[in-house]
C-alpha atoms as a PDB file:
ATOM      1  CA  MET A   1      27.158 -43.475  59.178  1.00  0.00           C
ATOM      2  CA  HIS A   2      25.647 -46.929  59.700  1.00  0.00           C
ATOM      3  CA  LYS A   3      27.818 -48.305  56.916  1.00  0.00           C
ATOM      4  CA  GLU A   4      30.949 -47.252  58.820  1.00  0.00           C
ATOM      5  CA  TYR A   5      29.741 -48.976  61.978  1.00  0.00           C
ATOM      6  CA  MET A   6      28.846 -52.114  60.068  1.00  0.00           C
ATOM      7  CA  GLU A   7      32.327 -52.206  58.558  1.00  0.00           C
ATOM      8  CA  LEU A   8      33.894 -51.730  62.001  1.00  0.00           C
ATOM      9  CA  LEU A   9      31.760 -54.490  63.458  1.00  0.00           C
ATOM     10  CA  GLU A  10      32.550 -56.807  60.568  1.00  0.00           C
ATOM     11  CA  GLY A  11      36.251 -56.149  61.145  1.00  0.00           C
ATOM     12  CA  LEU A  12      35.899 -57.048  64.817  1.00  0.00           C
ATOM     13  CA  ILE A  13      34.071 -60.248  63.939  1.00  0.00           C
ATOM     14  CA  ASP A  14      36.816 -61.106  61.451  1.00  0.00           C
ATOM     15  CA  LYS A  15      39.535 -60.508  64.073  1.00  0.00           C
ATOM     16  CA  LEU A  16      37.781 -62.287  66.921  1.00  0.00           C
ATOM     17  CA  THR A  17      34.777 -64.483  66.143  1.00  0.00           C
ATOM     18  CA  LEU A  18      31.041 -63.970  66.170  1.00  0.00           C
ATOM     19  CA  SER A  19      30.919 -66.107  69.304  1.00  0.00           C
ATOM     20  CA  ALA A  20      33.429 -63.839  71.076  1.00  0.00           C
ATOM     21  CA  ILE A  21      31.499 -60.709  70.068  1.00  0.00           C
ATOM     22  CA  LEU A  22      28.249 -62.184  71.399  1.00  0.00           C
ATOM     23  CA  GLU A  23      29.950 -63.111  74.666  1.00  0.00           C
ATOM     24  CA  MET A  24      31.210 -59.540  75.027  1.00  0.00           C
ATOM     25  CA  LEU A  25      27.747 -58.162  74.290  1.00  0.00           C
ATOM     26  CA  GLU A  26      26.303 -60.431  76.970  1.00  0.00           C
ATOM     27  CA  ARG A  27      28.830 -59.158  79.526  1.00  0.00           C
ATOM     28  CA  ILE A  28      28.161 -55.545  78.550  1.00  0.00           C
ATOM     29  CA  CYS A  29      24.423 -56.057  79.051  1.00  0.00           C
ATOM     30  CA  HIS A  30      25.000 -57.519  82.521  1.00  0.00           C
ATOM     31  CA  LYS A  31      27.306 -54.620  83.432  1.00  0.00           C
ATOM     32  CA  LYS A  32      24.728 -52.078  82.238  1.00  0.00           C
ATOM     33  CA  ALA A  33      22.109 -53.794  84.387  1.00  0.00           C
ATOM     34  CA  GLU A  34      24.406 -53.730  87.407  1.00  0.00           C
ATOM     35  CA  ASN A  35      25.184 -50.051  86.831  1.00  0.00           C
ATOM     36  CA  LEU A  36      21.491 -49.179  86.582  1.00  0.00           C
ATOM     37  CA  ARG A  37      20.792 -50.942  89.862  1.00  0.00           C
ATOM     38  CA  THR A  38      23.781 -49.516  91.710  1.00  0.00           C
ATOM     39  CA  HIS A  39      23.868 -45.928  90.499  1.00  0.00           C
ATOM     40  CA  TRP A  40      20.413 -45.156  89.138  1.00  0.00           C
ATOM     41  CA  ASP A  41      18.099 -47.331  91.246  1.00  0.00           C
ATOM     42  CA  ASP A  42      16.300 -48.342  88.058  1.00  0.00           C
ATOM     43  CA  GLU A  43      15.311 -51.965  88.537  1.00  0.00           C
ATOM     44  CA  ASN A  44      12.902 -52.014  85.592  1.00  0.00           C
ATOM     45  CA  LEU A  45      15.506 -51.000  83.024  1.00  0.00           C
ATOM     46  CA  ALA A  46      18.090 -53.235  84.700  1.00  0.00           C
ATOM     47  CA  LYS A  47      15.770 -56.218  84.231  1.00  0.00           C
ATOM     48  CA  LEU A  48      15.501 -55.422  80.526  1.00  0.00           C
ATOM     49  CA  TRP A  49      19.300 -55.394  80.173  1.00  0.00           C
ATOM     50  CA  ASP A  50      19.520 -58.693  82.081  1.00  0.00           C
ATOM     51  CA  LYS A  51      16.878 -60.135  79.778  1.00  0.00           C
ATOM     52  CA  ALA A  52      18.893 -59.032  76.745  1.00  0.00           C
ATOM     53  CA  ALA A  53      21.985 -60.686  78.239  1.00  0.00           C
ATOM     54  CA  ARG A  54      20.101 -63.958  78.754  1.00  0.00           C
ATOM     55  CA  GLN A  55      18.761 -63.892  75.220  1.00  0.00           C
ATOM     56  CA  ILE A  56      22.244 -63.331  73.803  1.00  0.00           C
ATOM     57  CA  GLU A  57      23.539 -66.169  75.980  1.00  0.00           C
ATOM     58  CA  GLN A  58      20.995 -68.514  74.383  1.00  0.00           C
ATOM     59  CA  ILE A  59      22.429 -67.949  70.904  1.00  0.00           C
ATOM     60  CA  ASN A  60      24.721 -70.842  70.017  1.00  0.00           C
ATOM     61  CA  ILE A  61      27.194 -69.770  67.354  1.00  0.00           C
ATOM     62  CA  ASP A  62      30.337 -71.675  66.450  1.00  0.00           C
ATOM     63  CA  VAL A  63      31.513 -69.283  63.745  1.00  0.00           C
END
């Protein structure tokens, strides 16, 4: 099953760029954090998702 997902992800990277994929992942992490705060009142998990978003943002990829 992981092989299928890897192939799908590779296809997305080929169609977009690695930079675009990372930017989308960053946005998704921020949205998950916002959702956890708004709907689940889970600040601790929200902080972890925000931290993941910041770490992704720090990755500089021009590929």
